[in-house]
Amino acid sequence: MKQFIILLFLSLSLSTLAQTVIKDGKTYEVKKEKIFLEGNDVTETLEITEREAIFKEQALILEKLALKQEVEKLEKEKLIAQKKEEKRLKKEEKKLKKQENFKKKFNKANENLEKAKAKHAKLKKNGDLSPNDEIAWAKKFQKLNKKVAKAKSKL
């Protein structure tokens, strides 16, 4: 919307301003349908072919200017699209990195649980666990299971 307003403003200002046209070494200014040479209206004194040539030259200049503005507009749109794409890629990379971190946390929590189970089994096999130790181990297993479940839910 902002670009549209700027483009509209530029086109209106260009149509109201005098357009400079150089023909046969003389610099003419064209305002609307009148041709000025050194500030004097020479529209009627010029031959029809010269007037048409000057108006055609003015039309070419205006067309080139419009094309230039269109190219600038397209370049800006391209730049904006490129920035949006970069932003989207960054967001996607961030999301991927976050997912990897969740996976690492899940693997670590699972690994800790397995290590604790192995240690508990070893102690139990050797008969080194008292009833109080069994309660502590049960609490530890419960805590580790919660961590694994939490990490799994984030995956």
N, C-alpha and C. Protein backbone atom coordinates (compact mmCIF):
# COMPACT_ATOMS: atom_id res chain seq x y z
N MET A 1 0.83 -1.18 0.00
CA MET A 1 0.00 0.00 0.00
C MET A 1 0.88 1.25 0.00
N LYS A 2 1.92 1.23 0.80
CA LYS A 2 2.82 2.36 0.91
C LYS A 2 3.49 2.64 -0.44
N GLN A 3 3.92 1.55 -1.10
CA GLN A 3 4.58 1.69 -2.39
C GLN A 3 3.61 2.24 -3.43
N PHE A 4 2.37 1.80 -3.37
CA PHE A 4 1.36 2.28 -4.30
C PHE A 4 1.18 3.79 -4.16
N ILE A 5 1.12 4.27 -2.94
CA ILE A 5 0.93 5.70 -2.69
C ILE A 5 2.13 6.48 -3.22
N ILE A 6 3.33 5.96 -2.98
CA ILE A 6 4.54 6.63 -3.46
C ILE A 6 4.55 6.67 -4.99
N LEU A 7 4.21 5.55 -5.62
CA LEU A 7 4.17 5.48 -7.07
C LEU A 7 3.13 6.45 -7.64
N LEU A 8 1.97 6.52 -7.01
CA LEU A 8 0.93 7.44 -7.45
C LEU A 8 1.40 8.89 -7.32
N PHE A 9 2.02 9.20 -6.20
CA PHE A 9 2.54 10.54 -5.98
C PHE A 9 3.58 10.91 -7.02
N LEU A 10 4.51 9.98 -7.30
CA LEU A 10 5.54 10.25 -8.30
C LEU A 10 4.96 10.45 -9.69
N SER A 11 4.02 9.62 -10.05
CA SER A 11 3.42 9.75 -11.39
C SER A 11 2.66 11.07 -11.53
N LEU A 12 1.95 11.48 -10.48
CA LEU A 12 1.23 12.75 -10.53
C LEU A 12 2.20 13.93 -10.59
N SER A 13 3.28 13.85 -9.81
CA SER A 13 4.23 14.95 -9.80
C SER A 13 4.97 15.04 -11.13
N LEU A 14 5.24 13.90 -11.76
CA LEU A 14 5.92 13.91 -13.04
C LEU A 14 5.03 14.47 -14.15
N SER A 15 3.75 14.21 -14.06
CA SER A 15 2.84 14.71 -15.09
C SER A 15 2.64 16.22 -14.96
N THR A 16 2.78 16.77 -13.76
CA THR A 16 2.60 18.21 -13.58
C THR A 16 3.89 18.96 -13.82
N LEU A 17 5.02 18.32 -13.65
CA LEU A 17 6.29 18.99 -13.87
C LEU A 17 6.60 19.06 -15.36
N ALA A 18 7.47 20.00 -15.70
CA ALA A 18 7.88 20.12 -17.09
C ALA A 18 8.86 19.01 -17.42
N GLN A 19 8.72 18.50 -18.62
CA GLN A 19 9.61 17.43 -19.09
C GLN A 19 10.58 18.08 -20.06
N THR A 20 11.87 17.87 -19.84
CA THR A 20 12.89 18.47 -20.69
C THR A 20 13.17 17.53 -21.86
N VAL A 21 13.11 18.10 -23.07
CA VAL A 21 13.36 17.33 -24.29
C VAL A 21 14.41 18.10 -25.11
N ILE A 22 15.43 17.39 -25.54
CA ILE A 22 16.47 18.01 -26.36
C ILE A 22 16.24 17.59 -27.81
N LYS A 23 16.06 18.57 -28.68
CA LYS A 23 15.80 18.30 -30.10
C LYS A 23 16.60 19.30 -30.93
N ASP A 24 17.40 18.80 -31.83
CA ASP A 24 18.23 19.62 -32.72
C ASP A 24 19.12 20.60 -31.93
N GLY A 25 19.65 20.17 -30.81
CA GLY A 25 20.55 20.99 -30.02
C GLY A 25 19.84 22.02 -29.15
N LYS A 26 18.54 22.09 -29.23
CA LYS A 26 17.77 23.03 -28.41
C LYS A 26 17.07 22.27 -27.30
N THR A 27 16.97 22.90 -26.14
CA THR A 27 16.32 22.27 -25.00
C THR A 27 14.92 22.83 -24.86
N TYR A 28 13.94 21.96 -25.06
CA TYR A 28 12.54 22.34 -24.94
C TYR A 28 12.00 21.78 -23.63
N GLU A 29 11.06 22.54 -23.07
CA GLU A 29 10.35 22.06 -21.90
C GLU A 29 8.89 21.82 -22.31
N VAL A 30 8.40 20.63 -21.98
CA VAL A 30 7.04 20.29 -22.36
C VAL A 30 6.20 20.22 -21.08
N LYS A 31 5.18 21.09 -21.07
CA LYS A 31 4.24 21.09 -19.94
C LYS A 31 2.87 20.84 -20.52
N LYS A 32 2.29 19.71 -20.09
CA LYS A 32 1.00 19.29 -20.62
C LYS A 32 1.06 19.25 -22.13
N GLU A 33 0.36 20.14 -22.83
CA GLU A 33 0.34 20.13 -24.30
C GLU A 33 1.05 21.34 -24.89
N LYS A 34 1.89 22.00 -24.09
CA LYS A 34 2.58 23.20 -24.58
C LYS A 34 4.08 22.96 -24.55
N ILE A 35 4.76 23.57 -25.52
CA ILE A 35 6.21 23.43 -25.64
C ILE A 35 6.82 24.81 -25.41
N PHE A 36 7.82 24.84 -24.50
CA PHE A 36 8.48 26.10 -24.16
C PHE A 36 9.95 26.02 -24.54
N LEU A 37 10.46 27.13 -25.07
CA LEU A 37 11.88 27.25 -25.39
C LEU A 37 12.37 28.49 -24.67
N GLU A 38 13.27 28.31 -23.73
CA GLU A 38 13.81 29.40 -22.90
C GLU A 38 12.69 30.18 -22.21
N GLY A 39 11.66 29.48 -21.77
CA GLY A 39 10.58 30.10 -21.02
C GLY A 39 9.45 30.66 -21.87
N ASN A 40 9.61 30.66 -23.19
CA ASN A 40 8.58 31.21 -24.09
C ASN A 40 7.80 30.07 -24.74
N ASP A 41 6.49 30.27 -24.87
CA ASP A 41 5.63 29.26 -25.50
C ASP A 41 5.86 29.30 -27.01
N VAL A 42 6.38 28.16 -27.53
CA VAL A 42 6.66 28.07 -28.96
C VAL A 42 5.83 26.98 -29.62
N THR A 43 4.78 26.56 -28.98
CA THR A 43 3.96 25.47 -29.49
C THR A 43 3.40 25.81 -30.87
N GLU A 44 2.87 27.00 -31.03
CA GLU A 44 2.23 27.38 -32.29
C GLU A 44 3.24 27.74 -33.37
N THR A 45 4.42 28.16 -32.99
CA THR A 45 5.42 28.56 -33.99
C THR A 45 6.16 27.38 -34.59
N LEU A 46 6.15 26.24 -33.92
CA LEU A 46 6.82 25.04 -34.45
C LEU A 46 5.96 24.38 -35.52
N GLU A 47 6.61 23.71 -36.42
CA GLU A 47 5.88 22.95 -37.43
C GLU A 47 5.24 21.73 -36.77
N ILE A 48 4.22 21.20 -37.40
CA ILE A 48 3.49 20.06 -36.85
C ILE A 48 4.42 18.87 -36.67
N THR A 49 5.29 18.62 -37.62
CA THR A 49 6.21 17.48 -37.53
C THR A 49 7.16 17.64 -36.37
N GLU A 50 7.64 18.88 -36.15
CA GLU A 50 8.55 19.12 -35.02
C GLU A 50 7.82 18.93 -33.69
N ARG A 51 6.58 19.44 -33.62
CA ARG A 51 5.78 19.26 -32.40
C ARG A 51 5.57 17.78 -32.11
N GLU A 52 5.19 17.05 -33.15
CA GLU A 52 4.96 15.61 -32.96
C GLU A 52 6.24 14.90 -32.52
N ALA A 53 7.36 15.29 -33.11
CA ALA A 53 8.64 14.68 -32.73
C ALA A 53 8.97 14.98 -31.28
N ILE A 54 8.73 16.22 -30.86
CA ILE A 54 9.01 16.60 -29.47
C ILE A 54 8.08 15.85 -28.52
N PHE A 55 6.79 15.75 -28.88
CA PHE A 55 5.84 15.02 -28.04
C PHE A 55 6.19 13.53 -27.98
N LYS A 56 6.65 12.99 -29.12
CA LYS A 56 7.06 11.58 -29.12
C LYS A 56 8.28 11.38 -28.23
N GLU A 57 9.23 12.32 -28.30
CA GLU A 57 10.43 12.25 -27.46
C GLU A 57 10.03 12.32 -25.98
N GLN A 58 9.07 13.22 -25.68
CA GLN A 58 8.60 13.33 -24.30
C GLN A 58 7.94 12.03 -23.86
N ALA A 59 7.15 11.42 -24.74
CA ALA A 59 6.49 10.16 -24.41
C ALA A 59 7.52 9.07 -24.15
N LEU A 60 8.58 9.05 -24.95
CA LEU A 60 9.66 8.07 -24.73
C LEU A 60 10.33 8.28 -23.38
N ILE A 61 10.59 9.54 -23.05
CA ILE A 61 11.24 9.85 -21.77
C ILE A 61 10.34 9.42 -20.61
N LEU A 62 9.05 9.73 -20.73
CA LEU A 62 8.12 9.33 -19.67
C LEU A 62 8.01 7.81 -19.57
N GLU A 63 8.03 7.14 -20.71
CA GLU A 63 7.96 5.68 -20.71
C GLU A 63 9.21 5.08 -20.06
N LYS A 64 10.37 5.64 -20.39
CA LYS A 64 11.62 5.16 -19.77
C LYS A 64 11.59 5.37 -18.27
N LEU A 65 11.09 6.52 -17.87
CA LEU A 65 10.99 6.83 -16.44
C LEU A 65 10.04 5.86 -15.74
N ALA A 66 8.91 5.58 -16.39
CA ALA A 66 7.94 4.64 -15.81
C ALA A 66 8.56 3.24 -15.71
N LEU A 67 9.29 2.84 -16.76
CA LEU A 67 9.95 1.53 -16.73
C LEU A 67 10.99 1.46 -15.62
N LYS A 68 11.72 2.55 -15.47
CA LYS A 68 12.73 2.60 -14.41
C LYS A 68 12.08 2.45 -13.04
N GLN A 69 10.96 3.15 -12.85
CA GLN A 69 10.24 3.05 -11.58
C GLN A 69 9.72 1.64 -11.37
N GLU A 70 9.24 1.01 -12.43
CA GLU A 70 8.73 -0.35 -12.34
C GLU A 70 9.85 -1.31 -11.97
N VAL A 71 11.02 -1.11 -12.58
CA VAL A 71 12.18 -1.96 -12.27
C VAL A 71 12.57 -1.79 -10.81
N GLU A 72 12.61 -0.55 -10.35
CA GLU A 72 12.94 -0.30 -8.94
C GLU A 72 11.93 -0.96 -8.01
N LYS A 73 10.66 -0.88 -8.40
CA LYS A 73 9.60 -1.49 -7.59
C LYS A 73 9.79 -3.00 -7.54
N LEU A 74 10.08 -3.60 -8.69
CA LEU A 74 10.29 -5.05 -8.74
C LEU A 74 11.52 -5.46 -7.94
N GLU A 75 12.57 -4.65 -8.00
CA GLU A 75 13.77 -4.95 -7.21
C GLU A 75 13.47 -4.91 -5.72
N LYS A 76 12.69 -3.92 -5.32
CA LYS A 76 12.32 -3.82 -3.90
C LYS A 76 11.48 -5.02 -3.48
N GLU A 77 10.54 -5.41 -4.34
CA GLU A 77 9.71 -6.57 -4.02
C GLU A 77 10.56 -7.83 -3.95
N LYS A 78 11.53 -7.94 -4.84
CA LYS A 78 12.43 -9.09 -4.83
C LYS A 78 13.25 -9.12 -3.55
N LEU A 79 13.73 -7.96 -3.15
CA LEU A 79 14.51 -7.87 -1.91
C LEU A 79 13.66 -8.24 -0.70
N ILE A 80 12.42 -7.77 -0.68
CA ILE A 80 11.52 -8.08 0.42
C ILE A 80 11.24 -9.58 0.46
N ALA A 81 11.00 -10.17 -0.71
CA ALA A 81 10.74 -11.61 -0.78
C ALA A 81 11.98 -12.39 -0.32
N GLN A 82 13.15 -11.91 -0.70
CA GLN A 82 14.39 -12.58 -0.29
C GLN A 82 14.55 -12.52 1.22
N LYS A 83 14.27 -11.36 1.81
CA LYS A 83 14.37 -11.23 3.26
C LYS A 83 13.37 -12.13 3.97
N LYS A 84 12.16 -12.23 3.42
CA LYS A 84 11.15 -13.11 4.01
C LYS A 84 11.61 -14.56 3.96
N GLU A 85 12.21 -14.94 2.84
CA GLU A 85 12.70 -16.31 2.68
C GLU A 85 13.82 -16.59 3.69
N GLU A 86 14.73 -15.63 3.85
CA GLU A 86 15.82 -15.79 4.83
C GLU A 86 15.25 -15.93 6.24
N LYS A 87 14.26 -15.13 6.55
CA LYS A 87 13.64 -15.18 7.87
C LYS A 87 12.97 -16.54 8.09
N ARG A 88 12.29 -17.03 7.05
CA ARG A 88 11.62 -18.33 7.14
C ARG A 88 12.65 -19.44 7.35
N LEU A 89 13.77 -19.36 6.62
CA LEU A 89 14.82 -20.38 6.76
C LEU A 89 15.42 -20.35 8.16
N LYS A 90 15.66 -19.14 8.69
CA LYS A 90 16.19 -19.02 10.04
C LYS A 90 15.23 -19.64 11.05
N LYS A 91 13.97 -19.36 10.86
CA LYS A 91 12.95 -19.90 11.78
C LYS A 91 12.93 -21.42 11.70
N GLU A 92 13.05 -21.94 10.48
CA GLU A 92 13.04 -23.39 10.30
C GLU A 92 14.28 -24.02 10.94
N GLU A 93 15.44 -23.37 10.75
CA GLU A 93 16.67 -23.88 11.37
C GLU A 93 16.55 -23.89 12.89
N LYS A 94 15.99 -22.82 13.42
CA LYS A 94 15.81 -22.73 14.87
C LYS A 94 14.89 -23.84 15.37
N LYS A 95 13.83 -24.10 14.61
CA LYS A 95 12.89 -25.15 14.98
C LYS A 95 13.59 -26.51 14.95
N LEU A 96 14.40 -26.73 13.92
CA LEU A 96 15.14 -27.99 13.80
C LEU A 96 16.12 -28.17 14.96
N LYS A 97 16.81 -27.09 15.31
CA LYS A 97 17.77 -27.15 16.41
C LYS A 97 17.05 -27.45 17.72
N LYS A 98 15.90 -26.85 17.91
CA LYS A 98 15.12 -27.09 19.11
C LYS A 98 14.69 -28.56 19.18
N GLN A 99 14.27 -29.08 18.03
CA GLN A 99 13.86 -30.49 17.96
C GLN A 99 15.03 -31.41 18.30
N GLU A 100 16.21 -31.07 17.79
CA GLU A 100 17.40 -31.86 18.10
C GLU A 100 17.71 -31.84 19.59
N ASN A 101 17.57 -30.68 20.20
CA ASN A 101 17.81 -30.56 21.64
C ASN A 101 16.83 -31.41 22.43
N PHE A 102 15.56 -31.43 22.02
CA PHE A 102 14.57 -32.27 22.68
C PHE A 102 14.95 -33.74 22.55
N LYS A 103 15.42 -34.10 21.36
CA LYS A 103 15.82 -35.49 21.13
C LYS A 103 17.01 -35.87 22.03
N LYS A 104 17.98 -34.95 22.15
CA LYS A 104 19.14 -35.21 23.02
C LYS A 104 18.70 -35.37 24.47
N LYS A 105 17.79 -34.50 24.91
CA LYS A 105 17.31 -34.58 26.30
C LYS A 105 16.58 -35.90 26.53
N PHE A 106 15.80 -36.32 25.56
CA PHE A 106 15.08 -37.59 25.68
C PHE A 106 16.08 -38.74 25.78
N ASN A 107 17.06 -38.75 24.90
CA ASN A 107 18.06 -39.82 24.91
C ASN A 107 18.84 -39.84 26.23
N LYS A 108 19.19 -38.67 26.73
CA LYS A 108 19.94 -38.60 27.99
C LYS A 108 19.08 -39.09 29.16
N ALA A 109 17.82 -38.67 29.19
CA ALA A 109 16.92 -39.10 30.27
C ALA A 109 16.73 -40.62 30.21
N ASN A 110 16.57 -41.15 29.02
CA ASN A 110 16.40 -42.59 28.83
C ASN A 110 17.67 -43.33 29.26
N GLU A 111 18.81 -42.78 28.91
CA GLU A 111 20.09 -43.38 29.28
C GLU A 111 20.27 -43.39 30.80
N ASN A 112 19.93 -42.27 31.44
CA ASN A 112 20.03 -42.21 32.90
C ASN A 112 19.12 -43.24 33.57
N LEU A 113 17.93 -43.42 33.02
CA LEU A 113 17.00 -44.40 33.56
C LEU A 113 17.58 -45.82 33.43
N GLU A 114 18.12 -46.12 32.28
CA GLU A 114 18.70 -47.45 32.06
C GLU A 114 19.90 -47.69 32.98
N LYS A 115 20.73 -46.67 33.16
CA LYS A 115 21.88 -46.80 34.06
C LYS A 115 21.43 -47.06 35.50
N ALA A 116 20.40 -46.32 35.91
CA ALA A 116 19.88 -46.48 37.26
C ALA A 116 19.29 -47.88 37.45
N LYS A 117 18.57 -48.37 36.44
CA LYS A 117 18.01 -49.72 36.52
C LYS A 117 19.12 -50.76 36.63
N ALA A 118 20.17 -50.57 35.84
CA ALA A 118 21.28 -51.52 35.85
C ALA A 118 21.97 -51.50 37.22
N LYS A 119 22.18 -50.33 37.76
CA LYS A 119 22.83 -50.20 39.08
C LYS A 119 21.95 -50.82 40.16
N HIS A 120 20.65 -50.56 40.09
CA HIS A 120 19.71 -51.13 41.06
C HIS A 120 19.74 -52.65 41.00
N ALA A 121 19.72 -53.18 39.78
CA ALA A 121 19.73 -54.64 39.61
C ALA A 121 21.02 -55.23 40.18
N LYS A 122 22.13 -54.56 39.96
CA LYS A 122 23.43 -55.04 40.46
C LYS A 122 23.45 -55.04 41.99
N LEU A 123 22.96 -53.92 42.58
CA LEU A 123 22.93 -53.85 44.04
C LEU A 123 21.99 -54.88 44.63
N LYS A 124 20.87 -55.08 43.99
CA LYS A 124 19.89 -56.05 44.47
C LYS A 124 20.46 -57.47 44.37
N LYS A 125 21.16 -57.73 43.29
CA LYS A 125 21.76 -59.05 43.09
C LYS A 125 22.80 -59.35 44.17
N ASN A 126 23.57 -58.31 44.52
CA ASN A 126 24.60 -58.48 45.54
C ASN A 126 24.02 -58.45 46.96
N GLY A 127 22.77 -58.04 47.10
CA GLY A 127 22.13 -58.00 48.41
C GLY A 127 22.52 -56.78 49.21
N ASP A 128 22.92 -55.72 48.55
CA ASP A 128 23.36 -54.51 49.23
C ASP A 128 22.24 -53.48 49.46
N LEU A 129 20.99 -53.86 49.21
CA LEU A 129 19.88 -52.91 49.36
C LEU A 129 19.10 -53.20 50.64
N SER A 130 18.88 -52.13 51.40
CA SER A 130 18.03 -52.24 52.59
C SER A 130 16.62 -51.80 52.19
N PRO A 131 15.63 -52.03 53.05
CA PRO A 131 14.26 -51.59 52.72
C PRO A 131 14.18 -50.08 52.48
N ASN A 132 14.96 -49.31 53.24
CA ASN A 132 14.96 -47.85 53.04
C ASN A 132 15.56 -47.50 51.67
N ASP A 133 16.60 -48.26 51.30
CA ASP A 133 17.20 -48.04 49.98
C ASP A 133 16.21 -48.35 48.86
N GLU A 134 15.40 -49.38 49.04
CA GLU A 134 14.40 -49.74 48.04
C GLU A 134 13.40 -48.60 47.82
N ILE A 135 13.01 -47.95 48.92
CA ILE A 135 12.08 -46.82 48.84
C ILE A 135 12.74 -45.66 48.08
N ALA A 136 14.00 -45.39 48.40
CA ALA A 136 14.73 -44.32 47.73
C ALA A 136 14.86 -44.62 46.23
N TRP A 137 15.17 -45.90 45.93
CA TRP A 137 15.30 -46.29 44.52
C TRP A 137 13.96 -46.17 43.79
N ALA A 138 12.88 -46.48 44.45
CA ALA A 138 11.55 -46.37 43.85
C ALA A 138 11.24 -44.90 43.50
N LYS A 139 11.61 -44.00 44.44
CA LYS A 139 11.41 -42.58 44.20
C LYS A 139 12.27 -42.10 43.03
N LYS A 140 13.51 -42.60 42.99
CA LYS A 140 14.42 -42.23 41.92
C LYS A 140 13.89 -42.70 40.56
N PHE A 141 13.38 -43.94 40.52
CA PHE A 141 12.81 -44.47 39.28
C PHE A 141 11.59 -43.65 38.83
N GLN A 142 10.79 -43.28 39.82
CA GLN A 142 9.60 -42.49 39.51
C GLN A 142 10.01 -41.14 38.90
N LYS A 143 11.01 -40.51 39.51
CA LYS A 143 11.51 -39.22 39.03
C LYS A 143 12.09 -39.34 37.61
N LEU A 144 12.90 -40.39 37.41
CA LEU A 144 13.51 -40.60 36.10
C LEU A 144 12.45 -40.93 35.03
N ASN A 145 11.44 -41.70 35.40
CA ASN A 145 10.35 -42.01 34.47
C ASN A 145 9.59 -40.74 34.06
N LYS A 146 9.41 -39.83 35.02
CA LYS A 146 8.74 -38.57 34.72
C LYS A 146 9.57 -37.74 33.73
N LYS A 147 10.90 -37.73 33.93
CA LYS A 147 11.77 -36.99 33.02
C LYS A 147 11.71 -37.56 31.61
N VAL A 148 11.69 -38.90 31.54
CA VAL A 148 11.62 -39.56 30.22
C VAL A 148 10.28 -39.24 29.55
N ALA A 149 9.21 -39.30 30.32
CA ALA A 149 7.88 -39.01 29.78
C ALA A 149 7.77 -37.56 29.30
N LYS A 150 8.33 -36.65 30.09
CA LYS A 150 8.31 -35.23 29.74
C LYS A 150 9.10 -34.99 28.45
N ALA A 151 10.30 -35.59 28.38
CA ALA A 151 11.14 -35.43 27.18
C ALA A 151 10.45 -36.05 25.96
N LYS A 152 9.76 -37.15 26.17
CA LYS A 152 9.09 -37.83 25.06
C LYS A 152 7.90 -36.99 24.56
N SER A 153 7.21 -36.33 25.48
CA SER A 153 6.07 -35.52 25.08
C SER A 153 6.50 -34.31 24.25
N LYS A 154 7.71 -33.81 24.47
CA LYS A 154 8.21 -32.66 23.71
C LYS A 154 8.67 -33.05 22.32
N LEU A 155 8.92 -34.34 22.15
CA LEU A 155 9.30 -34.82 20.82
C LEU A 155 8.07 -34.79 19.96
